[in-house]
Amino acid sequence: MAWKGYSGYPRSEVSAEPQHIFTPCAAAAFYRRDVFLEIGGFDEDFFSYFEDVDLGFRLNLYGYRCIFLPEAIVRRVGSSSTSKQSNFGLYHYHRNMVWSYYKNMPGFLYWFYLPFHFIANLLISINYLKNGRGKVVLKAKWDALKGLRHMRMKRRKIQRERRASALEIYKLLNKNLLTPFSIGRELRRYNRMHGSQSKQG
C-alpha cells in the first residue's frame, strides 16, 4: 500500500532537512527527462491514480532516488477533476494498487509480502462493503486480477532490467504493517490536541 506521509500536517511538523522517500506525489514532483524516458514514463494502462507510485517504484528498482524537499511549495486543488468521493477515483486507485504491487515488488519480497497485500485488500474491501461502496472496489479488484496476464509481460521486463536488489528495496520500505491504518488516527489525534491548545491559548 501507499499513503501520503505528511498529508494534513502543518509545516512545523515536517522535518526541515531533505529526505530520501520511496516515491513522490506526481502533482508535486520533478522528474529528470532522460530517466523518465529510460524507465518508460507513466504506465498508460493505469490512466490515473497510483500511476505515480508505480513510477516511483520503478525509479527505485532502476537505482534512482526520490528526494523530498521540504522548502519546495506547491499549490494544488486535490481531486478537482473527479471529487474525493468519486467512484472513478475509488475504482482506479484500488485496481492500480494491485497492479503496482504485482509489476514491481521484486524477488523474495513479492512472496514475503503477498499475504499481507492480500489481507490489506480484503480488509479494505470489507470496509467499503460496510460503507455501501463495496461494488466499486470489488469490481476494481476483479478487473485487476483479469489484467494480471497483461501486467506479467511488464513485470518480466522490469525485473529483468532492474538494478536494485530486493534487499535494497526492502530497506526503503516501511516495516510497520499497521502504518496505513494508523496514520489517519494519528492525524486526527494531533488535530484534536492542536485544536484544544489553540482554544486554551
Protein backbone atom coordinates (compact mmCIF):
# COMPACT_ATOMS: atom_id res chain seq x y z
CA MET A 1 0.00 0.00 0.00
CA ALA A 2 0.99 3.62 -0.32
CA TRP A 3 -0.04 6.70 1.62
CA LYS A 4 0.74 10.42 1.85
CA GLY A 5 3.20 10.68 4.68
CA TYR A 6 2.70 14.32 5.69
CA SER A 7 -0.77 14.96 4.33
CA GLY A 8 -2.77 17.16 6.69
CA TYR A 9 0.11 18.07 8.98
CA PRO A 10 1.30 21.69 9.35
CA ARG A 11 4.74 22.58 8.03
CA SER A 12 6.04 22.96 11.60
CA GLU A 13 5.71 19.18 12.00
CA VAL A 14 7.74 18.39 8.87
CA SER A 15 11.50 17.92 9.04
CA ALA A 16 13.42 20.86 7.58
CA GLU A 17 16.03 18.52 6.09
CA PRO A 18 15.72 16.85 2.66
CA GLN A 19 14.71 13.22 2.95
CA HIS A 20 15.03 10.12 0.82
CA ILE A 21 11.45 8.91 0.28
CA PHE A 22 10.04 5.95 -1.60
CA THR A 23 8.07 7.93 -4.16
CA PRO A 24 6.71 11.46 -4.58
CA CYS A 25 3.18 12.52 -5.43
CA ALA A 26 3.22 13.35 -9.15
CA ALA A 27 1.26 16.55 -8.50
CA ALA A 28 4.33 17.94 -6.74
CA ALA A 29 7.28 16.23 -8.41
CA PHE A 30 10.05 16.98 -10.86
CA TYR A 31 11.43 14.06 -12.88
CA ARG A 32 14.63 14.05 -14.91
CA ARG A 33 13.51 13.73 -18.52
CA ASP A 34 16.19 11.21 -19.50
CA VAL A 35 15.37 8.99 -16.51
CA PHE A 36 11.63 9.34 -17.09
CA LEU A 37 12.04 8.12 -20.67
CA GLU A 38 14.52 5.40 -19.70
CA ILE A 39 12.07 3.67 -17.36
CA GLY A 40 9.10 4.10 -19.68
CA GLY A 41 7.29 7.04 -18.08
CA PHE A 42 3.83 6.65 -16.62
CA ASP A 43 2.05 3.38 -17.34
CA GLU A 44 -0.85 4.40 -19.59
CA ASP A 45 -2.82 1.30 -18.57
CA PHE A 46 -3.18 2.86 -15.12
CA PHE A 47 -4.73 6.00 -16.65
CA SER A 48 -4.90 7.78 -13.29
CA TYR A 49 -4.38 7.14 -9.58
CA PHE A 50 -1.37 5.19 -8.27
CA GLU A 51 0.47 5.89 -11.53
CA ASP A 52 2.96 8.00 -9.56
CA VAL A 53 3.53 5.19 -7.04
CA ASP A 54 4.16 2.79 -9.91
CA LEU A 55 6.61 5.24 -11.47
CA GLY A 56 8.40 5.88 -8.18
CA PHE A 57 8.69 2.15 -7.55
CA ARG A 58 10.38 1.71 -10.91
CA LEU A 59 12.73 4.62 -10.21
CA ASN A 60 13.93 2.77 -7.12
CA LEU A 61 14.21 -0.52 -8.99
CA TYR A 62 16.35 1.13 -11.64
CA GLY A 63 18.68 2.52 -8.98
CA TYR A 64 17.48 6.12 -8.78
CA ARG A 65 16.42 8.03 -5.67
CA CYS A 66 13.41 10.17 -4.82
CA ILE A 67 14.17 13.14 -2.57
CA PHE A 68 11.62 15.13 -0.56
CA LEU A 69 12.49 18.85 -0.42
CA PRO A 70 10.61 20.49 2.48
CA GLU A 71 11.41 24.03 1.28
CA ALA A 72 9.55 23.48 -2.01
CA ILE A 73 5.97 24.78 -2.03
CA VAL A 74 3.35 23.51 -4.48
CA ARG A 75 -0.24 24.74 -4.53
CA ARG A 76 -2.88 22.45 -5.97
CA VAL A 77 -6.53 21.52 -5.62
CA GLY A 78 -6.71 17.80 -4.95
CA SER A 79 -9.28 15.70 -6.84
CA SER A 80 -10.65 18.78 -8.60
CA SER A 81 -11.42 16.76 -11.76
CA THR A 82 -13.27 13.91 -10.08
CA SER A 83 -14.00 14.83 -6.41
CA LYS A 84 -12.51 12.91 -3.48
CA GLN A 85 -15.53 10.61 -3.13
CA SER A 86 -15.97 9.72 -6.80
CA ASN A 87 -16.41 6.12 -7.90
CA PHE A 88 -13.98 6.87 -10.73
CA GLY A 89 -11.16 7.64 -8.32
CA LEU A 90 -12.06 4.78 -5.99
CA TYR A 91 -12.07 2.26 -8.84
CA HIS A 92 -8.77 3.31 -10.41
CA TYR A 93 -6.98 3.66 -7.08
CA HIS A 94 -7.86 0.14 -5.96
CA ARG A 95 -7.32 -1.54 -9.31
CA ASN A 96 -3.97 0.14 -9.82
CA MET A 97 -2.79 -0.61 -6.29
CA VAL A 98 -2.84 -4.33 -7.16
CA TRP A 99 -1.09 -3.79 -10.48
CA SER A 100 1.65 -1.66 -8.93
CA TYR A 101 2.44 -4.39 -6.40
CA TYR A 102 2.36 -7.17 -8.97
CA LYS A 103 4.56 -5.37 -11.51
CA ASN A 104 7.21 -4.05 -9.20
CA MET A 105 7.68 -5.95 -5.95
CA PRO A 106 10.98 -7.76 -6.55
CA GLY A 107 12.27 -11.24 -5.80
CA PHE A 108 11.56 -12.79 -2.41
CA LEU A 109 9.73 -9.62 -1.30
CA TYR A 110 6.90 -10.42 -3.70
CA TRP A 111 6.17 -13.71 -1.94
CA PHE A 112 7.01 -12.42 1.55
CA TYR A 113 4.56 -9.50 1.38
CA LEU A 114 1.90 -11.21 -0.75
CA PRO A 115 -0.16 -12.49 2.24
CA PHE A 116 -0.11 -9.02 3.81
CA HIS A 117 -1.07 -7.44 0.50
CA PHE A 118 -3.97 -9.88 0.17
CA ILE A 119 -5.16 -9.24 3.74
CA ALA A 120 -4.95 -5.46 3.26
CA ASN A 121 -7.03 -5.68 0.08
CA LEU A 122 -9.54 -7.92 1.85
CA LEU A 123 -9.91 -5.56 4.83
CA ILE A 124 -10.31 -2.58 2.51
CA SER A 125 -12.99 -4.36 0.51
CA ILE A 126 -14.90 -5.33 3.66
CA ASN A 127 -14.73 -1.76 4.92
CA TYR A 128 -16.16 -0.39 1.68
CA LEU A 129 -18.87 -3.07 1.67
CA LYS A 130 -19.94 -1.78 5.08
CA ASN A 131 -19.99 1.78 3.72
CA GLY A 132 -22.12 0.87 0.71
CA ARG A 133 -19.38 1.28 -1.88
CA GLY A 134 -18.18 -2.29 -2.00
CA LYS A 135 -19.37 -2.97 -5.55
CA VAL A 136 -16.94 -0.40 -6.95
CA VAL A 137 -13.97 -1.77 -5.00
CA LEU A 138 -14.81 -5.40 -5.77
CA LYS A 139 -15.06 -4.59 -9.48
CA ALA A 140 -11.68 -2.84 -9.25
CA LYS A 141 -10.08 -5.89 -7.64
CA TRP A 142 -11.71 -8.25 -10.15
CA ASP A 143 -10.53 -6.16 -13.11
CA ALA A 144 -7.06 -6.02 -11.56
CA LEU A 145 -6.93 -9.81 -11.45
CA LYS A 146 -8.16 -10.06 -15.03
CA GLY A 147 -5.37 -7.71 -16.10
CA LEU A 148 -2.52 -9.62 -14.46
CA ARG A 149 -1.72 -11.58 -17.63
CA HIS A 150 -1.09 -8.31 -19.46
CA MET A 151 0.89 -6.97 -16.49
CA ARG A 152 3.02 -10.13 -16.41
CA MET A 153 4.95 -9.03 -19.51
CA LYS A 154 5.68 -5.69 -17.88
CA ARG A 155 6.77 -7.38 -14.68
CA ARG A 156 9.20 -9.63 -16.53
CA LYS A 157 10.79 -6.66 -18.29
CA ILE A 158 11.07 -4.60 -15.11
CA GLN A 159 12.52 -7.44 -13.02
CA ARG A 160 14.93 -8.37 -15.80
CA GLU A 161 16.23 -4.82 -16.14
CA ARG A 162 16.18 -3.66 -12.50
CA ARG A 163 19.49 -2.66 -10.99
CA ALA A 164 18.47 -2.59 -7.31
CA SER A 165 18.40 -5.82 -5.34
CA ALA A 166 15.37 -6.98 -3.40
CA LEU A 167 17.31 -6.29 -0.20
CA GLU A 168 17.94 -2.69 -1.25
CA ILE A 169 14.21 -2.22 -1.89
CA TYR A 170 13.41 -3.85 1.45
CA LYS A 171 15.49 -1.20 3.23
CA LEU A 172 13.34 1.52 1.66
CA LEU A 173 10.01 0.05 2.74
CA ASN A 174 8.13 0.98 5.89
CA LYS A 175 8.32 -2.11 8.10
CA ASN A 176 5.32 -1.20 10.28
CA LEU A 177 2.47 -3.04 8.55
CA LEU A 178 -0.14 -1.08 10.52
CA THR A 179 1.04 2.36 9.37
CA PRO A 180 -1.52 2.76 6.55
CA PHE A 181 -4.33 2.04 9.02
CA SER A 182 -2.97 4.12 11.93
CA ILE A 183 -1.78 7.25 10.11
CA GLY A 184 -5.29 8.70 9.83
CA ARG A 185 -5.95 8.08 13.51
CA GLU A 186 -2.68 9.77 14.47
CA LEU A 187 -3.55 12.81 12.36
CA ARG A 188 -7.00 13.10 13.97
CA ARG A 189 -5.42 12.87 17.42
CA TYR A 190 -2.89 15.55 16.50
CA ASN A 191 -5.64 17.85 15.21
CA ARG A 192 -7.65 17.38 18.41
CA MET A 193 -4.62 18.23 20.54
CA HIS A 194 -3.68 21.16 18.33
CA GLY A 195 -7.23 22.48 18.37
CA SER A 196 -7.55 22.26 22.16
CA GLN A 197 -4.21 24.02 22.64
CA SER A 198 -5.35 26.83 20.37
CA LYS A 199 -8.54 27.28 22.41
CA GLN A 200 -6.58 27.37 25.67
CA GLY A 201 -4.19 29.95 24.23
